[in-house]
Amino acid sequence: MPTAEARIPTDRPGRYLVQLCKHFANKGRHLTHLPRTHTLPELRPNQIQAEWTDSDGTLRLPWGQCTLQAVPGALRVCAEADDRENLERLQDLVDTHIARFSRRDPLRVEWEPPRPTRHGPAGS
């Protein structure tokens, strides 16, 4: 399973962690809410799971998961998926939402290159 890690420099990492998790916990649950950035026919609201505290969070989607951690000066994100295509979808999802949530003071997502886990073959 390929993974990628990002470090998002911010002086409010907990705020962004909670905002991301709450957003996905409520995603599509409102009758008038139409997701703009990731309208995927295979993604339904009941397939999104979000759990969080002020310092740690997990987002689970059908095509992968992200773990989030608020550390001093940054929000750390680890994305994990079954393949590189789905990993890129997760990375794009994080990038898009961080950009939207930080419009006033834009944040930069700094992804490390994707890498396979110890148990998977390289490039999988």
PDB file of N, CA and C in Angstrom:
ATOM      1  N   MET A   1       0.829  -1.185   0.000  1.00  0.00           N
ATOM      2  CA  MET A   1       0.000   0.000   0.000  1.00  0.00           C
ATOM      3  C   MET A   1       0.871   1.245   0.000  1.00  0.00           C
ATOM      4  N   PRO A   2       0.752   2.073  -1.004  1.00  0.00           N
ATOM      5  CA  PRO A   2       1.539   3.299  -1.012  1.00  0.00           C
ATOM      6  C   PRO A   2       1.006   4.313  -0.004  1.00  0.00           C
ATOM      7  N   THR A   3       1.913   5.084   0.541  1.00  0.00           N
ATOM      8  CA  THR A   3       1.552   6.142   1.477  1.00  0.00           C
ATOM      9  C   THR A   3       2.279   7.419   1.085  1.00  0.00           C
ATOM     10  N   ALA A   4       1.764   8.525   1.542  1.00  0.00           N
ATOM     11  CA  ALA A   4       2.430   9.817   1.370  1.00  0.00           C
ATOM     12  C   ALA A   4       2.175  10.622   2.632  1.00  0.00           C
ATOM     13  N   GLU A   5       3.171  11.391   3.027  1.00  0.00           N
ATOM     14  CA  GLU A   5       3.032  12.231   4.210  1.00  0.00           C
ATOM     15  C   GLU A   5       3.188  13.688   3.823  1.00  0.00           C
ATOM     16  N   ALA A   6       2.430  14.524   4.518  1.00  0.00           N
ATOM     17  CA  ALA A   6       2.512  15.963   4.278  1.00  0.00           C
ATOM     18  C   ALA A   6       2.676  16.673   5.603  1.00  0.00           C
ATOM     19  N   ARG A   7       3.385  17.764   5.537  1.00  0.00           N
ATOM     20  CA  ARG A   7       3.525  18.658   6.684  1.00  0.00           C
ATOM     21  C   ARG A   7       2.984  20.001   6.214  1.00  0.00           C
ATOM     22  N   ILE A   8       1.951  20.483   6.910  1.00  0.00           N
ATOM     23  CA  ILE A   8       1.303  21.737   6.540  1.00  0.00           C
ATOM     24  C   ILE A   8       1.638  22.756   7.623  1.00  0.00           C
ATOM     25  N   PRO A   9       2.599  23.636   7.361  1.00  0.00           N
ATOM     26  CA  PRO A   9       2.971  24.628   8.372  1.00  0.00           C
ATOM     27  C   PRO A   9       1.814  25.571   8.697  1.00  0.00           C
ATOM     28  N   THR A  10       1.497  25.686   9.984  1.00  0.00           N
ATOM     29  CA  THR A  10       0.443  26.594  10.444  1.00  0.00           C
ATOM     30  C   THR A  10       0.585  26.794  11.942  1.00  0.00           C
ATOM     31  N   ASP A  11       0.168  27.944  12.405  1.00  0.00           N
ATOM     32  CA  ASP A  11       0.183  28.181  13.852  1.00  0.00           C
ATOM     33  C   ASP A  11      -1.126  27.725  14.495  1.00  0.00           C
ATOM     34  N   ARG A  12      -2.046  27.154  13.679  1.00  0.00           N
ATOM     35  CA  ARG A  12      -3.327  26.641  14.195  1.00  0.00           C
ATOM     36  C   ARG A  12      -3.611  25.232  13.673  1.00  0.00           C
ATOM     37  N   PRO A  13      -2.723  24.282  13.920  1.00  0.00           N
ATOM     38  CA  PRO A  13      -2.936  22.938  13.370  1.00  0.00           C
ATOM     39  C   PRO A  13      -4.194  22.251  13.888  1.00  0.00           C
ATOM     40  N   GLY A  14      -4.509  22.425  15.160  1.00  0.00           N
ATOM     41  CA  GLY A  14      -5.703  21.797  15.720  1.00  0.00           C
ATOM     42  C   GLY A  14      -6.979  22.305  15.079  1.00  0.00           C
ATOM     43  N   ARG A  15      -7.000  23.586  14.786  1.00  0.00           N
ATOM     44  CA  ARG A  15      -8.181  24.185  14.146  1.00  0.00           C
ATOM     45  C   ARG A  15      -8.444  23.551  12.792  1.00  0.00           C
ATOM     46  N   TYR A  16      -7.392  23.392  11.977  1.00  0.00           N
ATOM     47  CA  TYR A  16      -7.572  22.806  10.649  1.00  0.00           C
ATOM     48  C   TYR A  16      -7.892  21.321  10.728  1.00  0.00           C
ATOM     49  N   LEU A  17      -7.304  20.611  11.675  1.00  0.00           N
ATOM     50  CA  LEU A  17      -7.595  19.199  11.858  1.00  0.00           C
ATOM     51  C   LEU A  17      -9.085  19.014  12.159  1.00  0.00           C
ATOM     52  N   VAL A  18      -9.596  19.758  13.117  1.00  0.00           N
ATOM     53  CA  VAL A  18     -11.002  19.645  13.496  1.00  0.00           C
ATOM     54  C   VAL A  18     -11.904  20.075  12.336  1.00  0.00           C
ATOM     55  N   GLN A  19     -11.535  21.140  11.645  1.00  0.00           N
ATOM     56  CA  GLN A  19     -12.343  21.627  10.535  1.00  0.00           C
ATOM     57  C   GLN A  19     -12.448  20.570   9.428  1.00  0.00           C
ATOM     58  N   LEU A  20     -11.328  19.951   9.064  1.00  0.00           N
ATOM     59  CA  LEU A  20     -11.348  18.896   8.044  1.00  0.00           C
ATOM     60  C   LEU A  20     -12.220  17.731   8.477  1.00  0.00           C
ATOM     61  N   CYS A  21     -12.022  17.263   9.693  1.00  0.00           N
ATOM     62  CA  CYS A  21     -12.774  16.107  10.170  1.00  0.00           C
ATOM     63  C   CYS A  21     -14.267  16.398  10.275  1.00  0.00           C
ATOM     64  N   LYS A  22     -14.626  17.558  10.803  1.00  0.00           N
ATOM     65  CA  LYS A  22     -16.043  17.918  10.905  1.00  0.00           C
ATOM     66  C   LYS A  22     -16.660  18.032   9.513  1.00  0.00           C
ATOM     67  N   HIS A  23     -15.923  18.608   8.601  1.00  0.00           N
ATOM     68  CA  HIS A  23     -16.420  18.764   7.238  1.00  0.00           C
ATOM     69  C   HIS A  23     -16.761  17.401   6.635  1.00  0.00           C
ATOM     70  N   PHE A  24     -15.855  16.448   6.776  1.00  0.00           N
ATOM     71  CA  PHE A  24     -16.112  15.138   6.186  1.00  0.00           C
ATOM     72  C   PHE A  24     -17.143  14.345   6.977  1.00  0.00           C
ATOM     73  N   ALA A  25     -17.249  14.576   8.260  1.00  0.00           N
ATOM     74  CA  ALA A  25     -18.283  13.911   9.046  1.00  0.00           C
ATOM     75  C   ALA A  25     -19.667  14.360   8.576  1.00  0.00           C
ATOM     76  N   ASN A  26     -19.770  15.601   8.114  1.00  0.00           N
ATOM     77  CA  ASN A  26     -21.051  16.143   7.649  1.00  0.00           C
ATOM     78  C   ASN A  26     -21.223  16.074   6.139  1.00  0.00           C
ATOM     79  N   LYS A  27     -20.214  15.618   5.427  1.00  0.00           N
ATOM     80  CA  LYS A  27     -20.220  15.643   3.969  1.00  0.00           C
ATOM     81  C   LYS A  27     -21.448  14.944   3.389  1.00  0.00           C
ATOM     82  N   GLY A  28     -22.230  15.688   2.625  1.00  0.00           N
ATOM     83  CA  GLY A  28     -23.368  15.126   1.921  1.00  0.00           C
ATOM     84  C   GLY A  28     -24.560  14.813   2.808  1.00  0.00           C
ATOM     85  N   ARG A  29     -24.496  15.115   4.075  1.00  0.00           N
ATOM     86  CA  ARG A  29     -25.589  14.774   4.977  1.00  0.00           C
ATOM     87  C   ARG A  29     -26.740  15.794   4.888  1.00  0.00           C
ATOM     88  N   HIS A  30     -26.477  16.930   4.287  1.00  0.00           N
ATOM     89  CA  HIS A  30     -27.496  17.964   4.156  1.00  0.00           C
ATOM     90  C   HIS A  30     -28.126  17.865   2.769  1.00  0.00           C
ATOM     91  N   LEU A  31     -29.432  17.955   2.694  1.00  0.00           N
ATOM     92  CA  LEU A  31     -30.110  17.782   1.417  1.00  0.00           C
ATOM     93  C   LEU A  31     -29.651  18.784   0.371  1.00  0.00           C
ATOM     94  N   THR A  32     -29.302  19.995   0.778  1.00  0.00           N
ATOM     95  CA  THR A  32     -28.897  21.009  -0.196  1.00  0.00           C
ATOM     96  C   THR A  32     -27.399  21.022  -0.439  1.00  0.00           C
ATOM     97  N   HIS A  33     -26.645  20.190   0.265  1.00  0.00           N
ATOM     98  CA  HIS A  33     -25.187  20.196   0.129  1.00  0.00           C
ATOM     99  C   HIS A  33     -24.775  19.335  -1.061  1.00  0.00           C
ATOM    100  N   LEU A  34     -24.122  19.944  -2.018  1.00  0.00           N
ATOM    101  CA  LEU A  34     -23.602  19.224  -3.162  1.00  0.00           C
ATOM    102  C   LEU A  34     -22.096  19.387  -3.188  1.00  0.00           C
ATOM    103  N   PRO A  35     -21.330  18.316  -2.974  1.00  0.00           N
ATOM    104  CA  PRO A  35     -19.873  18.433  -2.981  1.00  0.00           C
ATOM    105  C   PRO A  35     -19.383  18.944  -4.329  1.00  0.00           C
ATOM    106  N   ARG A  36     -18.546  19.952  -4.315  1.00  0.00           N
ATOM    107  CA  ARG A  36     -18.035  20.543  -5.548  1.00  0.00           C
ATOM    108  C   ARG A  36     -16.722  19.927  -5.993  1.00  0.00           C
ATOM    109  N   THR A  37     -15.844  19.624  -5.064  1.00  0.00           N
ATOM    110  CA  THR A  37     -14.488  19.262  -5.452  1.00  0.00           C
ATOM    111  C   THR A  37     -14.268  17.772  -5.620  1.00  0.00           C
ATOM    112  N   HIS A  38     -15.171  16.980  -5.127  1.00  0.00           N
ATOM    113  CA  HIS A  38     -14.958  15.536  -5.266  1.00  0.00           C
ATOM    114  C   HIS A  38     -16.278  14.819  -5.458  1.00  0.00           C
ATOM    115  N   THR A  39     -16.996  15.213  -6.514  1.00  0.00           N
ATOM    116  CA  THR A  39     -18.243  14.547  -6.834  1.00  0.00           C
ATOM    117  C   THR A  39     -17.906  13.246  -7.539  1.00  0.00           C
ATOM    118  N   LEU A  40     -17.824  12.200  -6.767  1.00  0.00           N
ATOM    119  CA  LEU A  40     -17.490  10.893  -7.293  1.00  0.00           C
ATOM    120  C   LEU A  40     -18.702   9.996  -7.136  1.00  0.00           C
ATOM    121  N   PRO A  41     -19.179   9.386  -8.221  1.00  0.00           N
ATOM    122  CA  PRO A  41     -20.397   8.599  -8.120  1.00  0.00           C
ATOM    123  C   PRO A  41     -20.297   7.467  -7.107  1.00  0.00           C
ATOM    124  N   GLU A  42     -19.118   6.922  -6.895  1.00  0.00           N
ATOM    125  CA  GLU A  42     -18.987   5.807  -5.970  1.00  0.00           C
ATOM    126  C   GLU A  42     -18.839   6.243  -4.516  1.00  0.00           C
ATOM    127  N   LEU A  43     -18.792   7.534  -4.251  1.00  0.00           N
ATOM    128  CA  LEU A  43     -18.617   8.029  -2.891  1.00  0.00           C
ATOM    129  C   LEU A  43     -19.944   8.548  -2.343  1.00  0.00           C
ATOM    130  N   ARG A  44     -20.499   7.828  -1.375  1.00  0.00           N
ATOM    131  CA  ARG A  44     -21.746   8.213  -0.734  1.00  0.00           C
ATOM    132  C   ARG A  44     -21.461   8.623   0.703  1.00  0.00           C
ATOM    133  N   PRO A  45     -22.320   9.483   1.282  1.00  0.00           N
ATOM    134  CA  PRO A  45     -22.072   9.970   2.647  1.00  0.00           C
ATOM    135  C   PRO A  45     -21.848   8.856   3.671  1.00  0.00           C
ATOM    136  N   ASN A  46     -22.568   7.740   3.548  1.00  0.00           N
ATOM    137  CA  ASN A  46     -22.391   6.675   4.530  1.00  0.00           C
ATOM    138  C   ASN A  46     -21.074   5.921   4.364  1.00  0.00           C
ATOM    139  N   GLN A  47     -20.299   6.249   3.342  1.00  0.00           N
ATOM    140  CA  GLN A  47     -18.993   5.616   3.140  1.00  0.00           C
ATOM    141  C   GLN A  47     -17.858   6.459   3.711  1.00  0.00           C
ATOM    142  N   ILE A  48     -18.175   7.600   4.290  1.00  0.00           N
ATOM    143  CA  ILE A  48     -17.162   8.483   4.853  1.00  0.00           C
ATOM    144  C   ILE A  48     -17.228   8.379   6.371  1.00  0.00           C
ATOM    145  N   GLN A  49     -16.101   8.074   6.984  1.00  0.00           N
ATOM    146  CA  GLN A  49     -16.027   8.019   8.438  1.00  0.00           C
ATOM    147  C   GLN A  49     -14.960   8.996   8.901  1.00  0.00           C
ATOM    148  N   ALA A  50     -15.286   9.761   9.915  1.00  0.00           N
ATOM    149  CA  ALA A  50     -14.330  10.713  10.467  1.00  0.00           C
ATOM    150  C   ALA A  50     -14.373  10.617  11.986  1.00  0.00           C
ATOM    151  N   GLU A  51     -13.187  10.517  12.574  1.00  0.00           N
ATOM    152  CA  GLU A  51     -13.040  10.501  14.025  1.00  0.00           C
ATOM    153  C   GLU A  51     -11.933  11.487  14.368  1.00  0.00           C
ATOM    154  N   TRP A  52     -12.100  12.223  15.488  1.00  0.00           N
ATOM    155  CA  TRP A  52     -11.072  13.195  15.829  1.00  0.00           C
ATOM    156  C   TRP A  52     -11.133  13.612  17.276  1.00  0.00           C
ATOM    157  N   THR A  53      -9.991  14.120  17.713  1.00  0.00           N
ATOM    158  CA  THR A  53      -9.863  14.859  18.960  1.00  0.00           C
ATOM    159  C   THR A  53      -9.259  16.197  18.555  1.00  0.00           C
ATOM    160  N   ASP A  54      -8.842  17.006  19.509  1.00  0.00           N
ATOM    161  CA  ASP A  54      -8.198  18.279  19.154  1.00  0.00           C
ATOM    162  C   ASP A  54      -6.812  18.082  18.546  1.00  0.00           C
ATOM    163  N   SER A  55      -6.216  16.901  18.735  1.00  0.00           N
ATOM    164  CA  SER A  55      -4.842  16.702  18.263  1.00  0.00           C
ATOM    165  C   SER A  55      -4.659  15.563  17.268  1.00  0.00           C
ATOM    166  N   ASP A  56      -5.646  14.680  17.119  1.00  0.00           N
ATOM    167  CA  ASP A  56      -5.512  13.542  16.207  1.00  0.00           C
ATOM    168  C   ASP A  56      -6.828  13.294  15.486  1.00  0.00           C
ATOM    169  N   GLY A  57      -6.735  12.824  14.242  1.00  0.00           N
ATOM    170  CA  GLY A  57      -7.947  12.520  13.498  1.00  0.00           C
ATOM    171  C   GLY A  57      -7.704  11.452  12.456  1.00  0.00           C
ATOM    172  N   THR A  58      -8.785  10.814  12.037  1.00  0.00           N
ATOM    173  CA  THR A  58      -8.735   9.812  10.976  1.00  0.00           C
ATOM    174  C   THR A  58      -9.927  10.022  10.057  1.00  0.00           C
ATOM    175  N   LEU A  59      -9.650  10.035   8.761  1.00  0.00           N
ATOM    176  CA  LEU A  59     -10.682  10.102   7.733  1.00  0.00           C
ATOM    177  C   LEU A  59     -10.612   8.806   6.941  1.00  0.00           C
ATOM    178  N   ARG A  60     -11.718   8.079   6.863  1.00  0.00           N
ATOM    179  CA  ARG A  60     -11.754   6.832   6.094  1.00  0.00           C
ATOM    180  C   ARG A  60     -12.747   6.983   4.944  1.00  0.00           C
ATOM    181  N   LEU A  61     -12.260   6.706   3.751  1.00  0.00           N
ATOM    182  CA  LEU A  61     -13.079   6.744   2.555  1.00  0.00           C
ATOM    183  C   LEU A  61     -12.950   5.383   1.875  1.00  0.00           C
ATOM    184  N   PRO A  62     -13.813   5.055   0.921  1.00  0.00           N
ATOM    185  CA  PRO A  62     -13.733   3.735   0.292  1.00  0.00           C
ATOM    186  C   PRO A  62     -12.390   3.473  -0.397  1.00  0.00           C
ATOM    187  N   TRP A  63     -11.700   4.520  -0.790  1.00  0.00           N
ATOM    188  CA  TRP A  63     -10.468   4.341  -1.542  1.00  0.00           C
ATOM    189  C   TRP A  63      -9.221   4.720  -0.764  1.00  0.00           C
ATOM    190  N   GLY A  64      -9.319   4.807   0.548  1.00  0.00           N
ATOM    191  CA  GLY A  64      -8.127   5.061   1.364  1.00  0.00           C
ATOM    192  C   GLY A  64      -8.459   5.778   2.651  1.00  0.00           C
ATOM    193  N   GLN A  65      -7.409   6.107   3.392  1.00  0.00           N
ATOM    194  CA  GLN A  65      -7.614   6.835   4.637  1.00  0.00           C
ATOM    195  C   GLN A  65      -6.500   7.835   4.862  1.00  0.00           C
ATOM    196  N   CYS A  66      -6.824   8.852   5.645  1.00  0.00           N
ATOM    197  CA  CYS A  66      -5.855   9.866   6.060  1.00  0.00           C
ATOM    198  C   CYS A  66      -5.846   9.916   7.575  1.00  0.00           C
ATOM    199  N   THR A  67      -4.658   9.937   8.140  1.00  0.00           N
ATOM    200  CA  THR A  67      -4.529  10.193   9.565  1.00  0.00           C
ATOM    201  C   THR A  67      -3.926  11.582   9.706  1.00  0.00           C
ATOM    202  N   LEU A  68      -4.431  12.322  10.680  1.00  0.00           N
ATOM    203  CA  LEU A  68      -4.005  13.701  10.881  1.00  0.00           C
ATOM    204  C   LEU A  68      -3.500  13.855  12.304  1.00  0.00           C
ATOM    205  N   GLN A  69      -2.494  14.701  12.444  1.00  0.00           N
ATOM    206  CA  GLN A  69      -1.949  14.970  13.772  1.00  0.00           C
ATOM    207  C   GLN A  69      -1.558  16.441  13.854  1.00  0.00           C
ATOM    208  N   ALA A  70      -2.076  17.105  14.885  1.00  0.00           N
ATOM    209  CA  ALA A  70      -1.698  18.496  15.133  1.00  0.00           C
ATOM    210  C   ALA A  70      -0.459  18.484  16.013  1.00  0.00           C
ATOM    211  N   VAL A  71       0.624  19.039  15.498  1.00  0.00           N
ATOM    212  CA  VAL A  71       1.876  19.147  16.248  1.00  0.00           C
ATOM    213  C   VAL A  71       2.245  20.624  16.302  1.00  0.00           C
ATOM    214  N   PRO A  72       3.115  21.024  17.204  1.00  0.00           N
ATOM    215  CA  PRO A  72       3.485  22.442  17.261  1.00  0.00           C
ATOM    216  C   PRO A  72       3.974  22.952  15.901  1.00  0.00           C
ATOM    217  N   GLY A  73       3.288  23.943  15.368  1.00  0.00           N
ATOM    218  CA  GLY A  73       3.701  24.586  14.128  1.00  0.00           C
ATOM    219  C   GLY A  73       3.274  23.909  12.846  1.00  0.00           C
ATOM    220  N   ALA A  74       2.509  22.795  12.923  1.00  0.00           N
ATOM    221  CA  ALA A  74       2.134  22.123  11.678  1.00  0.00           C
ATOM    222  C   ALA A  74       1.004  21.118  11.885  1.00  0.00           C
ATOM    223  N   LEU A  75       0.319  20.848  10.794  1.00  0.00           N
ATOM    224  CA  LEU A  75      -0.633  19.751  10.722  1.00  0.00           C
ATOM    225  C   LEU A  75       0.042  18.678   9.884  1.00  0.00           C
ATOM    226  N   ARG A  76       0.169  17.491  10.441  1.00  0.00           N
ATOM    227  CA  ARG A  76       0.768  16.370   9.712  1.00  0.00           C
ATOM    228  C   ARG A  76      -0.340  15.474   9.191  1.00  0.00           C
ATOM    229  N   VAL A  77      -0.198  15.058   7.937  1.00  0.00           N
ATOM    230  CA  VAL A  77      -1.191  14.209   7.291  1.00  0.00           C
ATOM    231  C   VAL A  77      -0.476  13.013   6.685  1.00  0.00           C
ATOM    232  N   CYS A  78      -1.012  11.828   6.926  1.00  0.00           N
ATOM    233  CA  CYS A  78      -0.506  10.622   6.288  1.00  0.00           C
ATOM    234  C   CYS A  78      -1.663  10.027   5.497  1.00  0.00           C
ATOM    235  N   ALA A  79      -1.489   9.923   4.183  1.00  0.00           N
ATOM    236  CA  ALA A  79      -2.505   9.350   3.303  1.00  0.00           C
ATOM    237  C   ALA A  79      -2.060   7.949   2.915  1.00  0.00           C
ATOM    238  N   GLU A  80      -2.995   7.017   2.908  1.00  0.00           N
ATOM    239  CA  GLU A  80      -2.701   5.621   2.591  1.00  0.00           C
ATOM    240  C   GLU A  80      -3.824   5.079   1.717  1.00  0.00           C
ATOM    241  N   ALA A  81      -3.466   4.408   0.628  1.00  0.00           N
ATOM    242  CA  ALA A  81      -4.462   3.869  -0.292  1.00  0.00           C
ATOM    243  C   ALA A  81      -3.955   2.555  -0.877  1.00  0.00           C
ATOM    244  N   ASP A  82      -4.844   1.855  -1.553  1.00  0.00           N
ATOM    245  CA  ASP A  82      -4.489   0.570  -2.150  1.00  0.00           C
ATOM    246  C   ASP A  82      -3.561   0.705  -3.348  1.00  0.00           C
ATOM    247  N   ASP A  83      -3.630   1.844  -4.042  1.00  0.00           N
ATOM    248  CA  ASP A  83      -2.787   2.044  -5.217  1.00  0.00           C
ATOM    249  C   ASP A  83      -2.468   3.533  -5.364  1.00  0.00           C
ATOM    250  N   ARG A  84      -1.581   3.829  -6.284  1.00  0.00           N
ATOM    251  CA  ARG A  84      -1.129   5.210  -6.470  1.00  0.00           C
ATOM    252  C   ARG A  84      -2.237   6.137  -6.955  1.00  0.00           C
ATOM    253  N   GLU A  85      -3.123   5.637  -7.788  1.00  0.00           N
ATOM    254  CA  GLU A  85      -4.218   6.471  -8.284  1.00  0.00           C
ATOM    255  C   GLU A  85      -5.100   6.938  -7.130  1.00  0.00           C
ATOM    256  N   ASN A  86      -5.461   6.032  -6.253  1.00  0.00           N
ATOM    257  CA  ASN A  86      -6.287   6.414  -5.111  1.00  0.00           C
ATOM    258  C   ASN A  86      -5.507   7.273  -4.116  1.00  0.00           C
ATOM    259  N   LEU A  87      -4.215   7.028  -3.996  1.00  0.00           N
ATOM    260  CA  LEU A  87      -3.388   7.885  -3.146  1.00  0.00           C
ATOM    261  C   LEU A  87      -3.406   9.315  -3.668  1.00  0.00           C
ATOM    262  N   GLU A  88      -3.289   9.474  -4.964  1.00  0.00           N
ATOM    263  CA  GLU A  88      -3.335  10.810  -5.564  1.00  0.00           C
ATOM    264  C   GLU A  88      -4.693  11.463  -5.344  1.00  0.00           C
ATOM    265  N   ARG A  89      -5.768  10.681  -5.359  1.00  0.00           N
ATOM    266  CA  ARG A  89      -7.095  11.219  -5.080  1.00  0.00           C
ATOM    267  C   ARG A  89      -7.149  11.772  -3.659  1.00  0.00           C
ATOM    268  N   LEU A  90      -6.602  11.028  -2.711  1.00  0.00           N
ATOM    269  CA  LEU A  90      -6.585  11.501  -1.322  1.00  0.00           C
ATOM    270  C   LEU A  90      -5.755  12.771  -1.179  1.00  0.00           C
ATOM    271  N   GLN A  91      -4.584  12.788  -1.818  1.00  0.00           N
ATOM    272  CA  GLN A  91      -3.733  13.967  -1.745  1.00  0.00           C
ATOM    273  C   GLN A  91      -4.454  15.181  -2.331  1.00  0.00           C
ATOM    274  N   ASP A  92      -5.114  15.001  -3.454  1.00  0.00           N
ATOM    275  CA  ASP A  92      -5.850  16.100  -4.076  1.00  0.00           C
ATOM    276  C   ASP A  92      -6.990  16.572  -3.177  1.00  0.00           C
ATOM    277  N   LEU A  93      -7.653  15.632  -2.532  1.00  0.00           N
ATOM    278  CA  LEU A  93      -8.741  15.964  -1.620  1.00  0.00           C
ATOM    279  C   LEU A  93      -8.239  16.841  -0.473  1.00  0.00           C
ATOM    280  N   VAL A  94      -7.122  16.454   0.122  1.00  0.00           N
ATOM    281  CA  VAL A  94      -6.533  17.243   1.213  1.00  0.00           C
ATOM    282  C   VAL A  94      -6.099  18.610   0.691  1.00  0.00           C
ATOM    283  N   ASP A  95      -5.387  18.628  -0.427  1.00  0.00           N
ATOM    284  CA  ASP A  95      -4.914  19.894  -1.010  1.00  0.00           C
ATOM    285  C   ASP A  95      -6.069  20.863  -1.251  1.00  0.00           C
ATOM    286  N   THR A  96      -7.122  20.368  -1.879  1.00  0.00           N
ATOM    287  CA  THR A  96      -8.266  21.206  -2.236  1.00  0.00           C
ATOM    288  C   THR A  96      -8.958  21.775  -1.005  1.00  0.00           C
ATOM    289  N   HIS A  97      -9.162  20.928  -0.009  1.00  0.00           N
ATOM    290  CA  HIS A  97      -9.868  21.392   1.179  1.00  0.00           C
ATOM    291  C   HIS A  97      -9.010  22.337   2.023  1.00  0.00           C
ATOM    292  N   ILE A  98      -7.739  22.061   2.150  1.00  0.00           N
ATOM    293  CA  ILE A  98      -6.857  22.976   2.891  1.00  0.00           C
ATOM    294  C   ILE A  98      -6.840  24.335   2.187  1.00  0.00           C
ATOM    295  N   ALA A  99      -6.786  24.332   0.866  1.00  0.00           N
ATOM    296  CA  ALA A  99      -6.798  25.599   0.117  1.00  0.00           C
ATOM    297  C   ALA A  99      -8.097  26.358   0.378  1.00  0.00           C
ATOM    298  N   ARG A 100      -9.219  25.667   0.385  1.00  0.00           N
ATOM    299  CA  ARG A 100     -10.504  26.329   0.632  1.00  0.00           C
ATOM    300  C   ARG A 100     -10.613  26.855   2.053  1.00  0.00           C
ATOM    301  N   PHE A 101     -10.166  26.055   3.016  1.00  0.00           N
ATOM    302  CA  PHE A 101     -10.299  26.454   4.417  1.00  0.00           C
ATOM    303  C   PHE A 101      -9.315  27.545   4.810  1.00  0.00           C
ATOM    304  N   SER A 102      -8.258  27.737   4.037  1.00  0.00           N
ATOM    305  CA  SER A 102      -7.239  28.738   4.402  1.00  0.00           C
ATOM    306  C   SER A 102      -7.155  29.874   3.379  1.00  0.00           C
ATOM    307  N   ARG A 103      -8.269  30.222   2.790  1.00  0.00           N
ATOM    308  CA  ARG A 103      -8.270  31.273   1.751  1.00  0.00           C
ATOM    309  C   ARG A 103      -7.690  32.595   2.234  1.00  0.00           C
ATOM    310  N   ARG A 104      -7.998  32.992   3.450  1.00  0.00           N
ATOM    311  CA  ARG A 104      -7.518  34.291   3.948  1.00  0.00           C
ATOM    312  C   ARG A 104      -6.014  34.303   4.175  1.00  0.00           C
ATOM    313  N   ASP A 105      -5.512  33.219   4.669  1.00  0.00           N
ATOM    314  CA  ASP A 105      -4.083  33.085   4.946  1.00  0.00           C
ATOM    315  C   ASP A 105      -3.643  31.729   4.378  1.00  0.00           C
ATOM    316  N   PRO A 106      -3.411  31.658   3.052  1.00  0.00           N
ATOM    317  CA  PRO A 106      -3.193  30.375   2.384  1.00  0.00           C
ATOM    318  C   PRO A 106      -2.079  29.527   3.006  1.00  0.00           C
ATOM    319  N   LEU A 107      -2.409  28.248   3.169  1.00  0.00           N
ATOM    320  CA  LEU A 107      -1.438  27.273   3.665  1.00  0.00           C
ATOM    321  C   LEU A 107      -0.884  26.478   2.494  1.00  0.00           C
ATOM    322  N   ARG A 108       0.315  25.970   2.675  1.00  0.00           N
ATOM    323  CA  ARG A 108       0.961  25.166   1.645  1.00  0.00           C
ATOM    324  C   ARG A 108       1.105  23.737   2.136  1.00  0.00           C
ATOM    325  N   VAL A 109       0.601  22.792   1.356  1.00  0.00           N
ATOM    326  CA  VAL A 109       0.731  21.379   1.683  1.00  0.00           C
ATOM    327  C   VAL A 109       2.029  20.882   1.055  1.00  0.00           C
ATOM    328  N   GLU A 110       2.901  20.346   1.888  1.00  0.00           N
ATOM    329  CA  GLU A 110       4.207  19.867   1.419  1.00  0.00           C
ATOM    330  C   GLU A 110       4.242  18.343   1.515  1.00  0.00           C
ATOM    331  N   TRP A 111       3.892  17.656   0.404  1.00  0.00           N
ATOM    332  CA  TRP A 111       3.865  16.191   0.376  1.00  0.00           C
ATOM    333  C   TRP A 111       5.250  15.619   0.164  1.00  0.00           C
ATOM    334  N   GLU A 112       5.553  14.587   0.902  1.00  0.00           N
ATOM    335  CA  GLU A 112       6.747  13.781   0.638  1.00  0.00           C
ATOM    336  C   GLU A 112       6.366  12.846  -0.510  1.00  0.00           C
ATOM    337  N   PRO A 113       7.327  12.386  -1.281  1.00  0.00           N
ATOM    338  CA  PRO A 113       6.987  11.481  -2.385  1.00  0.00           C
ATOM    339  C   PRO A 113       6.295  10.217  -1.875  1.00  0.00           C
ATOM    340  N   PRO A 114       5.316   9.719  -2.641  1.00  0.00           N
ATOM    341  CA  PRO A 114       4.652   8.467  -2.253  1.00  0.00           C
ATOM    342  C   PRO A 114       5.662   7.332  -2.155  1.00  0.00           C
ATOM    343  N   ARG A 115       5.408   6.448  -1.214  1.00  0.00           N
ATOM    344  CA  ARG A 115       6.292   5.294  -1.074  1.00  0.00           C
ATOM    345  C   ARG A 115       5.462   4.091  -0.642  1.00  0.00           C
ATOM    346  N   PRO A 116       5.860   2.907  -1.061  1.00  0.00           N
ATOM    347  CA  PRO A 116       5.127   1.714  -0.645  1.00  0.00           C
ATOM    348  C   PRO A 116       5.412   1.394   0.814  1.00  0.00           C
ATOM    349  N   THR A 117       4.528   0.668   1.445  1.00  0.00           N
ATOM    350  CA  THR A 117       4.785   0.218   2.808  1.00  0.00           C
ATOM    351  C   THR A 117       5.769  -0.945   2.759  1.00  0.00           C
ATOM    352  N   ARG A 118       6.264  -1.331   3.908  1.00  0.00           N
ATOM    353  CA  ARG A 118       7.241  -2.416   3.979  1.00  0.00           C
ATOM    354  C   ARG A 118       6.733  -3.731   3.411  1.00  0.00           C
ATOM    355  N   HIS A 119       5.427  -3.946   3.472  1.00  0.00           N
ATOM    356  CA  HIS A 119       4.871  -5.238   3.087  1.00  0.00           C
ATOM    357  C   HIS A 119       4.496  -5.312   1.618  1.00  0.00           C
ATOM    358  N   GLY A 120       4.471  -4.193   0.913  1.00  0.00           N
ATOM    359  CA  GLY A 120       4.053  -4.200  -0.485  1.00  0.00           C
ATOM    360  C   GLY A 120       5.239  -4.050  -1.400  1.00  0.00           C
ATOM    361  N   PRO A 121       5.113  -4.518  -2.656  1.00  0.00           N
ATOM    362  CA  PRO A 121       6.199  -4.345  -3.616  1.00  0.00           C
ATOM    363  C   PRO A 121       6.320  -2.886  -4.027  1.00  0.00           C
ATOM    364  N   ALA A 122       7.486  -2.485  -4.421  1.00  0.00           N
ATOM    365  CA  ALA A 122       7.720  -1.112  -4.854  1.00  0.00           C
ATOM    366  C   ALA A 122       6.831  -0.802  -6.051  1.00  0.00           C
ATOM    367  N   GLY A 123       6.268   0.419  -6.029  1.00  0.00           N
ATOM    368  CA  GLY A 123       5.451   0.880  -7.139  1.00  0.00           C
ATOM    369  C   GLY A 123       4.025   0.383  -7.104  1.00  0.00           C
ATOM    370  N   SER A 124       3.624  -0.330  -6.061  1.00  0.00           N
ATOM    371  CA  SER A 124       2.246  -0.811  -6.025  1.00  0.00           C
ATOM    372  C   SER A 124       1.317   0.244  -5.498  1.00  0.00           C
TER     373      SER A 124
END
